Amino acid sequence: MNKAELVASMAERTGFTKKDAEKALNAFMDSVQAELEDGGKVQLVGFGTYEVRDRKARKGRNPRNPKETIHIPASKAPVFKAGKSLKEAVNK
C-alpha cells in the first residue's frame, strides 16, 4: 500500500474527504517526525512505538573493493517496534 492508497482507505473508513484524510495523515507524519527529531518517542498502545536508536561507528567492507575496509560513522536510525495487538493481528 502506498500513500495514495492509504489516504483513500482512511477516507473510506472515516467518512472524511480524501483531502481531509491526506491532511490528517500528513499531520500525523509531521508530528512523529518532529518528536523523533527532538529525541523523543511516540508510543501508540496496541499499535507500536516509534523511536530513535543510536548506531555506533564501525568498520565495513567497500562494496566496490571487498578487500578494502571503510569507516562507517555513527548515526541515528528511526525504528518502529510493533505492539502486542498488532503482532497478534498479523500472526492470526
N, C-alpha and C. Protein backbone atom coordinates (compact mmCIF):
# COMPACT_ATOMS: atom_id res chain seq x y z
N MET A 1 0.86 -1.17 0.00
CA MET A 1 0.00 0.00 0.00
C MET A 1 0.90 1.23 0.00
N ASN A 2 0.64 2.14 -0.93
CA ASN A 2 1.39 3.39 -0.96
C ASN A 2 0.58 4.50 -0.28
N LYS A 3 1.13 5.70 -0.26
CA LYS A 3 0.48 6.79 0.47
C LYS A 3 -0.92 7.11 -0.09
N ALA A 4 -1.05 7.14 -1.41
CA ALA A 4 -2.35 7.45 -2.02
C ALA A 4 -3.39 6.40 -1.65
N GLU A 5 -2.99 5.14 -1.63
CA GLU A 5 -3.92 4.08 -1.26
C GLU A 5 -4.29 4.16 0.22
N LEU A 6 -3.32 4.53 1.05
CA LEU A 6 -3.59 4.70 2.48
C LEU A 6 -4.57 5.85 2.70
N VAL A 7 -4.37 6.95 2.01
CA VAL A 7 -5.28 8.10 2.12
C VAL A 7 -6.69 7.69 1.70
N ALA A 8 -6.80 6.95 0.61
CA ALA A 8 -8.12 6.50 0.14
C ALA A 8 -8.78 5.58 1.16
N SER A 9 -8.00 4.68 1.76
CA SER A 9 -8.54 3.77 2.77
C SER A 9 -8.99 4.54 4.01
N MET A 10 -8.19 5.51 4.44
CA MET A 10 -8.56 6.33 5.60
C MET A 10 -9.83 7.11 5.32
N ALA A 11 -9.95 7.67 4.12
CA ALA A 11 -11.14 8.44 3.76
C ALA A 11 -12.38 7.56 3.78
N GLU A 12 -12.24 6.35 3.26
CA GLU A 12 -13.36 5.42 3.20
C GLU A 12 -13.80 5.00 4.61
N ARG A 13 -12.85 4.73 5.49
CA ARG A 13 -13.17 4.24 6.84
C ARG A 13 -13.69 5.34 7.77
N THR A 14 -13.28 6.60 7.53
CA THR A 14 -13.66 7.67 8.44
C THR A 14 -14.80 8.54 7.92
N GLY A 15 -15.03 8.48 6.61
CA GLY A 15 -16.04 9.36 6.03
C GLY A 15 -15.48 10.73 5.68
N PHE A 16 -14.17 10.92 5.89
CA PHE A 16 -13.52 12.18 5.50
C PHE A 16 -13.39 12.22 3.99
N THR A 17 -13.17 13.42 3.47
CA THR A 17 -12.81 13.52 2.06
C THR A 17 -11.37 13.08 1.94
N LYS A 18 -10.94 12.75 0.73
CA LYS A 18 -9.55 12.35 0.54
C LYS A 18 -8.61 13.47 0.94
N LYS A 19 -9.02 14.70 0.67
CA LYS A 19 -8.19 15.86 1.01
C LYS A 19 -8.01 15.96 2.53
N ASP A 20 -9.10 15.78 3.28
CA ASP A 20 -9.03 15.83 4.75
C ASP A 20 -8.23 14.65 5.31
N ALA A 21 -8.40 13.48 4.71
CA ALA A 21 -7.64 12.30 5.16
C ALA A 21 -6.15 12.51 4.91
N GLU A 22 -5.81 13.12 3.79
CA GLU A 22 -4.39 13.39 3.49
C GLU A 22 -3.83 14.40 4.47
N LYS A 23 -4.61 15.43 4.83
CA LYS A 23 -4.17 16.40 5.83
C LYS A 23 -3.91 15.72 7.17
N ALA A 24 -4.81 14.81 7.56
CA ALA A 24 -4.65 14.10 8.83
C ALA A 24 -3.41 13.21 8.80
N LEU A 25 -3.19 12.51 7.71
CA LEU A 25 -2.02 11.64 7.58
C LEU A 25 -0.73 12.47 7.61
N ASN A 26 -0.72 13.58 6.88
CA ASN A 26 0.47 14.45 6.86
C ASN A 26 0.74 15.03 8.24
N ALA A 27 -0.31 15.41 8.96
CA ALA A 27 -0.14 15.94 10.32
C ALA A 27 0.43 14.87 11.24
N PHE A 28 -0.04 13.63 11.10
CA PHE A 28 0.49 12.53 11.90
C PHE A 28 1.98 12.32 11.61
N MET A 29 2.32 12.25 10.33
CA MET A 29 3.72 12.02 9.96
C MET A 29 4.62 13.16 10.42
N ASP A 30 4.15 14.41 10.29
CA ASP A 30 4.93 15.57 10.73
C ASP A 30 5.12 15.55 12.25
N SER A 31 4.08 15.17 12.98
CA SER A 31 4.17 15.12 14.44
C SER A 31 5.16 14.05 14.90
N VAL A 32 5.11 12.88 14.28
CA VAL A 32 6.04 11.81 14.63
C VAL A 32 7.46 12.24 14.31
N GLN A 33 7.66 12.81 13.12
CA GLN A 33 8.99 13.25 12.71
C GLN A 33 9.55 14.30 13.67
N ALA A 34 8.73 15.27 14.06
CA ALA A 34 9.18 16.33 14.96
C ALA A 34 9.59 15.74 16.32
N GLU A 35 8.81 14.81 16.83
CA GLU A 35 9.13 14.19 18.12
C GLU A 35 10.43 13.39 18.04
N LEU A 36 10.63 12.66 16.95
CA LEU A 36 11.85 11.87 16.79
C LEU A 36 13.07 12.78 16.62
N GLU A 37 12.90 13.90 15.91
CA GLU A 37 13.99 14.86 15.75
C GLU A 37 14.43 15.42 17.09
N ASP A 38 13.47 15.58 18.01
CA ASP A 38 13.77 16.11 19.35
C ASP A 38 14.30 15.03 20.29
N GLY A 39 14.45 13.81 19.79
CA GLY A 39 15.00 12.73 20.60
C GLY A 39 13.97 11.97 21.41
N GLY A 40 12.70 12.26 21.22
CA GLY A 40 11.64 11.59 21.96
C GLY A 40 11.18 10.32 21.27
N LYS A 41 10.08 9.77 21.77
CA LYS A 41 9.49 8.61 21.12
C LYS A 41 7.98 8.76 21.13
N VAL A 42 7.33 8.09 20.19
CA VAL A 42 5.88 8.12 20.07
C VAL A 42 5.38 6.72 20.33
N GLN A 43 4.56 6.57 21.37
CA GLN A 43 4.07 5.26 21.77
C GLN A 43 2.56 5.21 21.57
N LEU A 44 2.11 4.33 20.69
CA LEU A 44 0.69 4.13 20.42
C LEU A 44 0.32 2.75 20.97
N VAL A 45 -0.31 2.73 22.14
CA VAL A 45 -0.61 1.49 22.83
C VAL A 45 -1.39 0.54 21.92
N GLY A 46 -0.91 -0.68 21.81
CA GLY A 46 -1.54 -1.69 20.99
C GLY A 46 -1.07 -1.68 19.55
N PHE A 47 -0.52 -0.56 19.09
CA PHE A 47 -0.06 -0.48 17.70
C PHE A 47 1.45 -0.61 17.64
N GLY A 48 2.16 0.28 18.33
CA GLY A 48 3.61 0.19 18.31
C GLY A 48 4.27 1.47 18.79
N THR A 49 5.59 1.48 18.73
CA THR A 49 6.39 2.60 19.21
C THR A 49 7.39 3.02 18.15
N TYR A 50 7.45 4.31 17.91
CA TYR A 50 8.46 4.90 17.03
C TYR A 50 9.52 5.52 17.95
N GLU A 51 10.78 5.23 17.69
CA GLU A 51 11.85 5.83 18.48
C GLU A 51 13.12 5.92 17.65
N VAL A 52 14.11 6.63 18.21
CA VAL A 52 15.40 6.79 17.54
C VAL A 52 16.43 6.00 18.32
N ARG A 53 17.24 5.23 17.61
CA ARG A 53 18.31 4.48 18.25
C ARG A 53 19.65 4.93 17.66
N ASP A 54 20.64 4.99 18.54
CA ASP A 54 21.98 5.36 18.10
C ASP A 54 22.68 4.14 17.52
N ARG A 55 23.36 4.37 16.41
CA ARG A 55 24.18 3.32 15.80
C ARG A 55 25.63 3.72 16.00
N LYS A 56 26.43 2.83 16.52
CA LYS A 56 27.83 3.12 16.78
C LYS A 56 28.62 3.14 15.48
N ALA A 57 29.74 3.85 15.51
CA ALA A 57 30.65 3.84 14.37
C ALA A 57 31.22 2.43 14.25
N ARG A 58 31.48 2.02 13.03
CA ARG A 58 32.00 0.67 12.83
C ARG A 58 32.80 0.60 11.54
N LYS A 59 33.45 -0.51 11.34
CA LYS A 59 34.18 -0.73 10.10
C LYS A 59 33.37 -1.68 9.23
N GLY A 60 33.43 -1.44 7.94
CA GLY A 60 32.71 -2.28 7.00
C GLY A 60 33.55 -2.54 5.77
N ARG A 61 33.01 -3.26 4.84
CA ARG A 61 33.70 -3.58 3.58
C ARG A 61 33.22 -2.64 2.48
N ASN A 62 34.17 -2.23 1.65
CA ASN A 62 33.84 -1.42 0.49
C ASN A 62 33.18 -2.34 -0.54
N PRO A 63 31.94 -2.06 -0.95
CA PRO A 63 31.26 -2.95 -1.91
C PRO A 63 31.97 -3.01 -3.26
N ARG A 64 32.67 -1.96 -3.63
CA ARG A 64 33.36 -1.95 -4.91
C ARG A 64 34.68 -2.72 -4.85
N ASN A 65 35.26 -2.77 -3.64
CA ASN A 65 36.52 -3.48 -3.45
C ASN A 65 36.43 -4.20 -2.10
N PRO A 66 35.91 -5.43 -2.08
CA PRO A 66 35.67 -6.14 -0.82
C PRO A 66 36.89 -6.32 0.08
N LYS A 67 38.09 -6.21 -0.47
CA LYS A 67 39.29 -6.36 0.34
C LYS A 67 39.58 -5.11 1.17
N GLU A 68 38.99 -4.00 0.78
CA GLU A 68 39.24 -2.72 1.46
C GLU A 68 38.21 -2.50 2.57
N THR A 69 38.68 -2.09 3.76
CA THR A 69 37.76 -1.76 4.84
C THR A 69 37.53 -0.26 4.84
N ILE A 70 36.32 0.13 5.21
CA ILE A 70 35.97 1.55 5.27
C ILE A 70 35.39 1.86 6.64
N HIS A 71 35.44 3.11 7.01
CA HIS A 71 34.88 3.56 8.28
C HIS A 71 33.44 4.00 8.05
N ILE A 72 32.53 3.46 8.82
CA ILE A 72 31.12 3.86 8.74
C ILE A 72 30.86 4.69 10.00
N PRO A 73 30.54 5.98 9.85
CA PRO A 73 30.38 6.85 11.01
C PRO A 73 29.13 6.52 11.84
N ALA A 74 29.15 6.97 13.09
CA ALA A 74 27.98 6.80 13.96
C ALA A 74 26.80 7.57 13.38
N SER A 75 25.61 7.07 13.62
CA SER A 75 24.40 7.74 13.12
C SER A 75 23.22 7.41 14.02
N LYS A 76 22.11 8.03 13.73
CA LYS A 76 20.87 7.75 14.42
C LYS A 76 19.91 7.14 13.42
N ALA A 77 19.13 6.16 13.86
CA ALA A 77 18.20 5.49 12.96
C ALA A 77 16.80 5.45 13.58
N PRO A 78 15.79 5.88 12.82
CA PRO A 78 14.42 5.75 13.32
C PRO A 78 14.01 4.27 13.29
N VAL A 79 13.31 3.84 14.33
CA VAL A 79 12.93 2.44 14.46
C VAL A 79 11.46 2.35 14.85
N PHE A 80 10.76 1.37 14.31
CA PHE A 80 9.38 1.10 14.71
C PHE A 80 9.35 -0.29 15.33
N LYS A 81 8.78 -0.39 16.52
CA LYS A 81 8.62 -1.68 17.18
C LYS A 81 7.12 -1.93 17.32
N ALA A 82 6.65 -3.00 16.72
CA ALA A 82 5.22 -3.33 16.73
C ALA A 82 4.75 -3.68 18.13
N GLY A 83 3.53 -3.26 18.45
CA GLY A 83 2.92 -3.57 19.73
C GLY A 83 2.29 -4.95 19.73
N LYS A 84 1.89 -5.40 20.89
CA LYS A 84 1.35 -6.75 21.07
C LYS A 84 0.11 -6.99 20.20
N SER A 85 -0.83 -6.06 20.20
CA SER A 85 -2.08 -6.23 19.43
C SER A 85 -1.80 -6.33 17.94
N LEU A 86 -0.88 -5.50 17.46
CA LEU A 86 -0.54 -5.54 16.02
C LEU A 86 0.13 -6.86 15.68
N LYS A 87 1.04 -7.32 16.52
CA LYS A 87 1.71 -8.60 16.27
C LYS A 87 0.71 -9.74 16.24
N GLU A 88 -0.24 -9.73 17.18
CA GLU A 88 -1.24 -10.80 17.23
C GLU A 88 -2.14 -10.77 16.00
N ALA A 89 -2.51 -9.57 15.55
CA ALA A 89 -3.37 -9.44 14.37
C ALA A 89 -2.67 -9.95 13.12
N VAL A 90 -1.40 -9.68 13.00
CA VAL A 90 -0.63 -10.11 11.82
C VAL A 90 -0.42 -11.62 11.84
N ASN A 91 -0.29 -12.20 13.02
CA ASN A 91 0.01 -13.63 13.15
C ASN A 91 -1.21 -14.52 13.31
N LYS A 92 -2.39 -14.03 12.98
CA LYS A 92 -3.61 -14.85 13.08
C LYS A 92 -3.52 -16.06 12.21
